[in-house]
Amino acid sequence: MSNPPIVVTGSTGFIAKHIIAELLRRGHAVRGTLRNVSKADDVRRAVTRAGADPAALTFAVADLLSDDGWDDALSGAQYVIHSASPFPIQQPDNPDDVIQPARDGTLRVLKAATRAGASRVVVTSSTVAIFYGVTKREDELYSETDFTDETRDGLTPYIRSKIIAEKAAFEFSRTTPNAPEIVAINPGFVHGPALDADLSTSHELFVLMARGIYPAAPRIRFPVAHVHDVAIAHAEALFRPNLNGQRYLIAEGESGLYGLGQIMARELPDLANKAPKFELPDMAVRALSVVDKRMRTILPELGQHKRFTNAKARADLGIAFHSADDAVRQSVLSLRERKLI
C-alpha cells in the first residue's frame, strides 16, 4: 500500500470512481475528497462494482469553492489526482458557474499540494482544451502540442473552463517555488461502465435518448475515450519518470450523437424506436439552441471534423486503447444493467 494515500479529488465523479478503483486494484491506498461525507458509502459501493476492494479507501471533506478542508485532505500527500471539475449537460446562464470552480478549485488544490510537499499532481483536463486553437486542414492531426484559445468567439463556458484551468495549473507549477510537477490528462468524450445511478453527462445522453426526447441528432462528431483507458492513463502518469509539464490526449476513434443512438438501438433493440432517426441541419440546431440549453453545449462542434493522434499516450504511458464502439457499448449495457434505460 502507498503511504500516505494517493489523493483523488471529486471522488463521486464518474471518472474519479474508475480512477480510484484502478489505484486500489494496483495496491495503493486512496483518500478521496467529497463535498458531503454522506456520499462516502456510495463511492465505496461503486468501486466495489468496479472490482476493487474499498478497504484502503478513506475520505476527506473539501469543496472547490472553499479553502476549508484542503490542507487536511492533502496532508502528507505525495501524489494527487485532481479530477474534480463541473461538466454540465447544459450550459449555465452565468459562465462563472463553471469557470470559477474549475480555475479556482484547481489552484486551491495545487496550493494545498504545495504546502503538503506533494511531488506530482495529475490534472484531468479534456480534448476540448486542445481542439479550439488554430483551425487545421483536413489532412492535419490535432495532438498535445495544440492549445485551445480561450478568447475565441463561440466557445461554451465548459470549453473555456477546461483550458483556463489547465493553463492555470501549468503556470502555477512554473512560477511557484516548490510546486509539484504537473501532468495533464486530456480525455475525449468518456464512455464506459456506469457504476451507479449518479450519472455522467455521457450517460445522461442515453437516458434522454431512451425517452425519445431527441428524434433527430445534430451533425457533430467527437473523440471517444473508454473510462478504463482514462483511469489507466491517470495511474501511469502518477509514477512514470520525466513527465513534468506533459499532456496526454486520451481517445480512440470518434462518434456522433446519431452514432451513439445507433449503438443503443443495436445493443437494446427495444429502444430502437427511441433513438434519433436522422441528423439535423446545422441551421436547425442553432435555432433550437435558443430554447434548448442542452443544444448550446454542442454548438462549437457544428461543421467541425477533428482528426487526432494518441501516439504520445501509447508511447509514454503504454496505453492499449479500447475502441470507441466498445466504450459506447459498455455505457449502454451498464445503464440497462442498472435499470436506468
Protein backbone atom coordinates (compact mmCIF):
# COMPACT_ATOMS: atom_id res chain seq x y z
CA MET A 1 0.00 0.00 0.00
CA SER A 2 1.12 3.55 -0.71
CA ASN A 3 1.78 5.50 2.48
CA PRO A 4 0.33 8.12 2.71
CA PRO A 5 -2.64 7.53 0.39
CA ILE A 6 -2.93 8.95 -3.09
CA VAL A 7 -5.45 11.79 -3.02
CA VAL A 8 -8.19 11.83 -5.68
CA THR A 9 -10.36 14.95 -5.73
CA GLY A 10 -14.03 14.85 -6.67
CA SER A 11 -14.34 11.19 -5.78
CA THR A 12 -18.07 11.00 -6.57
CA GLY A 13 -17.42 11.67 -10.27
CA PHE A 14 -17.73 9.00 -12.97
CA ILE A 15 -14.07 9.21 -14.00
CA ALA A 16 -12.87 9.57 -10.41
CA LYS A 17 -14.59 6.39 -9.25
CA HIS A 18 -12.91 4.42 -12.03
CA ILE A 19 -9.54 6.03 -11.18
CA ILE A 20 -9.96 5.10 -7.52
CA ALA A 21 -10.82 1.52 -8.46
CA GLU A 22 -7.75 1.32 -10.72
CA LEU A 23 -5.46 2.58 -7.94
CA LEU A 24 -6.97 0.21 -5.38
CA ARG A 25 -6.55 -2.75 -7.73
CA ARG A 26 -2.88 -1.79 -8.06
CA GLY A 27 -2.47 -1.98 -4.28
CA HIS A 28 -2.46 1.73 -3.43
CA ALA A 29 -4.31 3.36 -0.57
CA VAL A 30 -6.57 6.21 -1.71
CA ARG A 31 -8.03 9.26 0.02
CA GLY A 32 -10.97 10.72 -1.89
CA THR A 33 -12.35 14.21 -1.41
CA LEU A 34 -16.08 14.81 -1.10
CA ARG A 35 -18.27 17.86 -0.67
CA ASN A 36 -20.57 15.80 1.55
CA VAL A 37 -19.39 12.86 3.63
CA SER A 38 -22.80 11.21 3.24
CA LYS A 39 -21.67 10.18 -0.29
CA ALA A 40 -18.79 8.05 1.02
CA ASP A 41 -20.69 4.77 1.08
CA ASP A 42 -21.96 5.39 -2.45
CA VAL A 43 -18.37 5.66 -3.67
CA ARG A 44 -17.35 2.53 -1.76
CA ARG A 45 -20.18 0.57 -3.38
CA ALA A 46 -19.26 1.91 -6.83
CA VAL A 47 -15.60 0.93 -6.64
CA THR A 48 -16.65 -2.50 -5.35
CA ARG A 49 -18.76 -2.92 -8.50
CA ALA A 50 -15.65 -1.98 -10.47
CA GLY A 51 -13.85 -4.97 -8.95
CA ALA A 52 -11.83 -3.18 -6.27
CA ASP A 53 -11.66 -3.70 -2.51
CA PRO A 54 -12.54 -0.38 -0.79
CA ALA A 55 -10.81 -1.32 2.47
CA ALA A 56 -7.90 1.04 1.67
CA LEU A 57 -10.22 3.92 0.67
CA THR A 58 -10.73 6.84 3.05
CA PHE A 59 -12.34 10.24 2.61
CA ALA A 60 -11.91 13.92 3.45
CA VAL A 61 -14.43 16.74 3.05
CA ALA A 62 -13.43 19.66 0.79
CA ASP A 63 -15.20 21.87 -1.74
CA LEU A 64 -13.63 23.50 -4.82
CA LEU A 65 -15.33 26.80 -3.91
CA SER A 66 -13.90 27.00 -0.39
CA ASP A 67 -10.43 26.95 1.17
CA ASP A 68 -11.75 24.89 4.06
CA GLY A 69 -10.58 21.31 4.35
CA TRP A 70 -7.94 21.20 1.61
CA ASP A 71 -4.91 21.21 3.92
CA ASP A 72 -6.36 18.30 5.87
CA ALA A 73 -7.37 16.48 2.69
CA LEU A 74 -3.87 16.72 1.20
CA SER A 75 -1.91 16.41 4.43
CA GLY A 76 1.24 14.39 3.77
CA ALA A 77 0.22 13.63 0.18
CA GLN A 78 2.99 12.81 -2.25
CA TYR A 79 0.73 12.15 -5.25
CA VAL A 80 -2.56 13.83 -6.14
CA ILE A 81 -5.07 13.33 -8.95
CA HIS A 82 -7.24 16.39 -9.42
CA SER A 83 -10.30 15.11 -11.29
CA ALA A 84 -12.95 17.37 -9.77
CA SER A 85 -14.46 19.78 -12.29
CA PRO A 86 -18.03 20.51 -13.44
CA PHE A 87 -19.26 19.11 -16.79
CA PRO A 88 -22.87 20.29 -17.23
CA ILE A 89 -25.16 18.72 -19.82
CA GLN A 90 -26.48 22.22 -20.45
CA GLN A 91 -24.53 25.45 -20.32
CA PRO A 92 -25.23 27.89 -17.45
CA ASP A 93 -26.54 31.41 -17.90
CA ASN A 94 -23.53 32.67 -15.92
CA PRO A 95 -20.23 31.30 -17.36
CA ASP A 96 -18.51 31.71 -13.99
CA ASP A 97 -20.75 28.98 -12.58
CA VAL A 98 -18.48 26.59 -14.50
CA ILE A 99 -15.26 28.56 -14.98
CA GLN A 100 -14.76 29.69 -11.38
CA PRO A 101 -14.86 26.26 -9.70
CA ALA A 102 -12.66 24.81 -12.45
CA ARG A 103 -9.96 27.50 -12.27
CA ASP A 104 -10.11 28.48 -8.58
CA GLY A 105 -10.60 24.90 -7.47
CA THR A 106 -7.54 23.76 -9.40
CA LEU A 107 -5.45 26.49 -7.78
CA ARG A 108 -6.77 25.61 -4.32
CA VAL A 109 -5.74 22.01 -4.81
CA LEU A 110 -2.29 22.98 -6.13
CA LYS A 111 -1.63 25.42 -3.28
CA ALA A 112 -2.58 22.78 -0.71
CA ALA A 113 -0.48 20.19 -2.57
CA THR A 114 2.49 22.55 -2.44
CA ARG A 115 2.05 23.12 1.29
CA ALA A 116 1.79 19.35 1.75
CA GLY A 117 5.04 18.78 -0.14
CA ALA A 118 3.43 16.73 -2.92
CA SER A 119 5.78 15.79 -5.75
CA ARG A 120 3.28 15.41 -8.60
CA VAL A 121 -0.32 16.34 -9.41
CA VAL A 122 -2.13 14.78 -12.37
CA VAL A 123 -4.86 17.10 -13.62
CA THR A 124 -7.91 15.83 -15.51
CA SER A 125 -8.37 18.15 -18.46
CA SER A 126 -10.12 17.39 -21.77
CA THR A 127 -9.62 17.24 -25.52
CA VAL A 128 -11.66 20.46 -25.65
CA ALA A 129 -8.53 22.13 -24.22
CA ILE A 130 -6.75 21.02 -27.42
CA PHE A 131 -9.13 21.42 -30.36
CA TYR A 132 -10.09 25.12 -30.44
CA GLY A 133 -6.93 26.99 -31.24
CA VAL A 134 -5.60 27.17 -34.78
CA THR A 135 -8.01 25.54 -37.25
CA LYS A 136 -6.26 22.69 -39.04
CA ARG A 137 -6.64 21.36 -42.53
CA GLU A 138 -8.45 18.06 -43.07
CA ASP A 139 -5.11 16.25 -43.53
CA GLU A 140 -3.58 17.61 -40.30
CA LEU A 141 -3.77 15.91 -36.91
CA TYR A 142 -4.50 17.51 -33.57
CA SER A 143 -2.16 16.50 -30.74
CA GLU A 144 -0.97 17.56 -27.31
CA THR A 145 1.01 20.42 -28.88
CA ASP A 146 -2.27 22.20 -29.68
CA PHE A 147 -3.97 24.51 -27.18
CA THR A 148 -7.47 25.95 -27.25
CA ASP A 149 -7.64 29.75 -27.41
CA GLU A 150 -9.97 30.63 -24.55
CA THR A 151 -10.68 34.06 -26.10
CA ARG A 152 -12.10 32.52 -29.29
CA ASP A 153 -15.68 33.53 -30.06
CA GLY A 154 -18.42 30.95 -29.63
CA LEU A 155 -16.78 28.72 -27.03
CA THR A 156 -19.05 27.34 -24.33
CA PRO A 157 -18.26 28.08 -20.67
CA TYR A 158 -17.31 24.42 -20.24
CA ILE A 159 -14.69 24.53 -23.01
CA ARG A 160 -13.28 27.76 -21.64
CA SER A 161 -13.20 26.33 -18.12
CA LYS A 162 -11.08 23.35 -19.14
CA ILE A 163 -8.36 25.29 -20.95
CA ILE A 164 -8.31 28.08 -18.34
CA ALA A 165 -7.92 25.57 -15.51
CA GLU A 166 -5.25 23.58 -17.34
CA LYS A 167 -3.21 26.67 -18.23
CA ALA A 168 -3.54 27.90 -14.63
CA ALA A 169 -2.13 24.59 -13.37
CA PHE A 170 0.92 24.71 -15.64
CA GLU A 171 1.54 28.39 -14.86
CA PHE A 172 1.30 27.72 -11.11
CA SER A 173 3.81 24.89 -11.35
CA ARG A 174 6.18 27.01 -13.44
CA THR A 175 6.13 30.09 -11.22
CA THR A 176 5.63 28.77 -7.66
CA PRO A 177 8.65 27.67 -5.59
CA ASN A 178 8.46 24.01 -4.51
CA ALA A 179 5.28 23.45 -6.53
CA PRO A 180 4.58 19.86 -7.55
CA GLU A 181 5.11 18.58 -11.07
CA ILE A 182 2.04 18.76 -13.30
CA VAL A 183 0.83 16.21 -15.84
CA ALA A 184 -2.44 16.79 -17.72
CA ILE A 185 -4.70 14.01 -18.99
CA ASN A 186 -6.94 15.18 -21.86
CA PRO A 187 -9.73 12.63 -22.49
CA GLY A 188 -12.30 12.79 -25.25
CA PHE A 189 -16.00 12.18 -24.55
CA VAL A 190 -15.72 9.50 -21.87
CA HIS A 191 -17.84 6.36 -22.10
CA GLY A 192 -17.76 3.01 -20.35
CA PRO A 193 -19.50 1.20 -17.49
CA ALA A 194 -21.73 3.27 -15.23
CA LEU A 195 -21.10 2.13 -11.67
CA ASP A 196 -24.23 3.63 -10.09
CA ALA A 197 -27.16 5.96 -10.73
CA ASP A 198 -25.05 9.12 -10.26
CA LEU A 199 -24.64 9.51 -14.00
CA SER A 200 -22.06 11.32 -16.05
CA THR A 201 -23.07 13.66 -18.87
CA SER A 202 -22.22 10.95 -21.40
CA HIS A 203 -24.60 8.54 -19.67
CA GLU A 204 -27.33 11.16 -19.27
CA LEU A 205 -27.42 11.47 -23.05
CA PHE A 206 -28.53 7.84 -23.32
CA VAL A 207 -31.20 8.37 -20.69
CA LEU A 208 -32.57 11.25 -22.76
CA MET A 209 -32.37 9.22 -25.97
CA ALA A 210 -34.11 6.27 -24.32
CA ARG A 211 -37.03 8.58 -23.52
CA GLY A 212 -37.32 9.55 -27.18
CA ILE A 213 -36.54 13.19 -26.42
CA TYR A 214 -34.29 13.52 -29.46
CA PRO A 215 -35.89 12.02 -32.59
CA ALA A 216 -33.09 13.69 -34.56
CA ALA A 217 -29.47 14.48 -33.68
CA PRO A 218 -27.12 17.34 -34.51
CA ARG A 219 -24.44 16.61 -37.12
CA ILE A 220 -21.42 16.56 -34.84
CA ARG A 221 -18.55 14.17 -34.21
CA PHE A 222 -16.23 13.93 -31.23
CA PRO A 223 -13.35 11.75 -29.98
CA VAL A 224 -14.37 8.92 -27.66
CA ALA A 225 -12.40 7.69 -24.66
CA HIS A 226 -13.04 4.49 -22.72
CA VAL A 227 -13.13 5.26 -19.00
CA HIS A 228 -10.79 2.32 -18.31
CA ASP A 229 -8.17 3.88 -20.60
CA VAL A 230 -8.66 7.22 -18.85
CA ALA A 231 -8.19 5.62 -15.42
CA ILE A 232 -5.06 3.76 -16.52
CA ALA A 233 -3.63 6.96 -18.02
CA HIS A 234 -4.02 8.78 -14.70
CA ALA A 235 -2.42 5.94 -12.75
CA GLU A 236 0.52 5.67 -15.15
CA ALA A 237 1.01 9.44 -15.20
CA LEU A 238 1.43 9.48 -11.42
CA PHE A 239 4.59 7.45 -11.30
CA ARG A 240 6.35 7.34 -14.65
CA PRO A 241 9.51 9.49 -14.61
CA ASN A 242 10.24 12.57 -16.70
CA LEU A 243 6.63 13.57 -17.37
CA ASN A 244 6.62 17.03 -15.77
CA GLY A 245 4.74 19.51 -17.95
CA GLN A 246 3.38 16.86 -20.31
CA ARG A 247 -0.17 16.49 -21.65
CA TYR A 248 -1.76 13.29 -22.97
CA LEU A 249 -4.66 13.04 -25.42
CA ILE A 250 -6.72 10.00 -24.43
CA ALA A 251 -9.19 8.90 -27.11
CA GLU A 252 -9.54 6.23 -29.76
CA GLY A 253 -11.88 6.73 -32.68
CA GLU A 254 -14.86 9.03 -32.79
CA SER A 255 -18.62 9.09 -32.90
CA GLY A 256 -21.53 11.49 -33.11
CA LEU A 257 -24.84 11.74 -31.30
CA TYR A 258 -26.57 9.90 -34.14
CA GLY A 259 -23.91 7.18 -33.91
CA LEU A 260 -24.44 6.84 -30.17
CA GLY A 261 -28.13 6.34 -30.79
CA GLN A 262 -27.44 3.67 -33.40
CA ILE A 263 -25.28 1.72 -30.95
CA MET A 264 -28.02 1.99 -28.32
CA ALA A 265 -30.53 0.66 -30.87
CA ARG A 266 -28.19 -2.18 -31.84
CA GLU A 267 -27.48 -3.30 -28.27
CA LEU A 268 -31.00 -2.69 -26.92
CA PRO A 269 -33.44 -3.33 -29.78
CA ASP A 270 -36.43 -2.47 -27.58
CA LEU A 271 -35.18 1.15 -27.62
CA ALA A 272 -34.58 1.31 -31.37
CA ASN A 273 -37.72 3.38 -31.95
CA LYS A 274 -36.49 5.92 -29.37
CA ALA A 275 -33.07 6.54 -30.97
CA PRO A 276 -32.53 9.53 -33.30
CA LYS A 277 -33.72 8.70 -36.81
CA PHE A 278 -31.68 11.28 -38.75
CA GLU A 279 -29.24 14.17 -38.39
CA LEU A 280 -30.45 17.77 -38.20
CA PRO A 281 -29.13 20.53 -40.46
CA ASP A 282 -26.80 22.88 -38.60
CA MET A 283 -29.19 25.80 -39.07
CA ALA A 284 -31.95 23.89 -37.29
CA VAL A 285 -29.65 23.10 -34.35
CA ARG A 286 -28.73 26.77 -33.96
CA ALA A 287 -32.39 27.69 -33.95
CA LEU A 288 -33.26 25.04 -31.37
CA SER A 289 -30.41 26.16 -29.10
CA VAL A 290 -32.34 29.37 -28.42
CA VAL A 291 -34.88 27.39 -26.39
CA ASP A 292 -32.92 24.21 -25.51
CA LYS A 293 -29.84 24.96 -23.40
CA ARG A 294 -28.56 21.42 -23.90
CA MET A 295 -28.11 22.22 -27.60
CA ARG A 296 -25.81 25.13 -26.74
CA THR A 297 -23.23 22.71 -25.38
CA ILE A 298 -22.53 21.30 -28.85
CA LEU A 299 -22.74 24.48 -30.96
CA PRO A 300 -18.91 24.79 -31.27
CA GLU A 301 -18.84 21.29 -32.79
CA LEU A 302 -21.12 22.07 -35.73
CA GLY A 303 -19.27 21.78 -39.01
CA GLN A 304 -16.13 20.56 -37.26
CA HIS A 305 -14.25 17.35 -38.02
CA LYS A 306 -11.14 16.82 -35.94
CA ARG A 307 -8.56 14.18 -36.74
CA PHE A 308 -6.15 13.46 -33.89
CA THR A 309 -3.31 11.22 -32.77
CA ASN A 310 -2.93 9.36 -29.48
CA ALA A 311 0.60 8.17 -30.31
CA LYS A 312 2.17 10.04 -27.39
CA ALA A 313 -0.05 8.31 -24.80
CA ARG A 314 0.69 4.93 -26.39
CA ALA A 315 4.43 5.56 -26.25
CA ASP A 316 4.81 7.32 -22.88
CA LEU A 317 2.03 5.73 -20.83
CA GLY A 318 1.75 2.34 -22.53
CA ILE A 319 -1.98 2.69 -23.19
CA ALA A 320 -3.54 -0.02 -25.39
CA PHE A 321 -6.75 1.76 -26.31
CA HIS A 322 -10.25 0.30 -26.38
CA SER A 323 -12.31 1.11 -29.47
CA ALA A 324 -14.94 3.83 -29.45
CA ASP A 325 -17.60 1.22 -30.21
CA ASP A 326 -16.57 -0.85 -27.20
CA ALA A 327 -16.65 2.19 -24.90
CA VAL A 328 -20.13 3.23 -26.02
CA ARG A 329 -21.42 -0.34 -25.97
CA GLN A 330 -20.35 -0.76 -22.34
CA SER A 331 -22.07 2.51 -21.42
CA VAL A 332 -25.35 1.31 -22.90
CA LEU A 333 -25.22 -2.17 -21.38
CA SER A 334 -24.28 -0.88 -17.94
CA LEU A 335 -27.22 1.54 -17.96
CA ARG A 336 -29.55 -1.34 -18.77
CA GLU A 337 -27.94 -3.44 -16.03
CA ARG A 338 -28.57 -0.58 -13.58
CA LYS A 339 -32.18 -0.40 -14.89
CA LEU A 340 -31.65 3.25 -15.88
CA ILE A 341 -32.74 2.85 -19.51
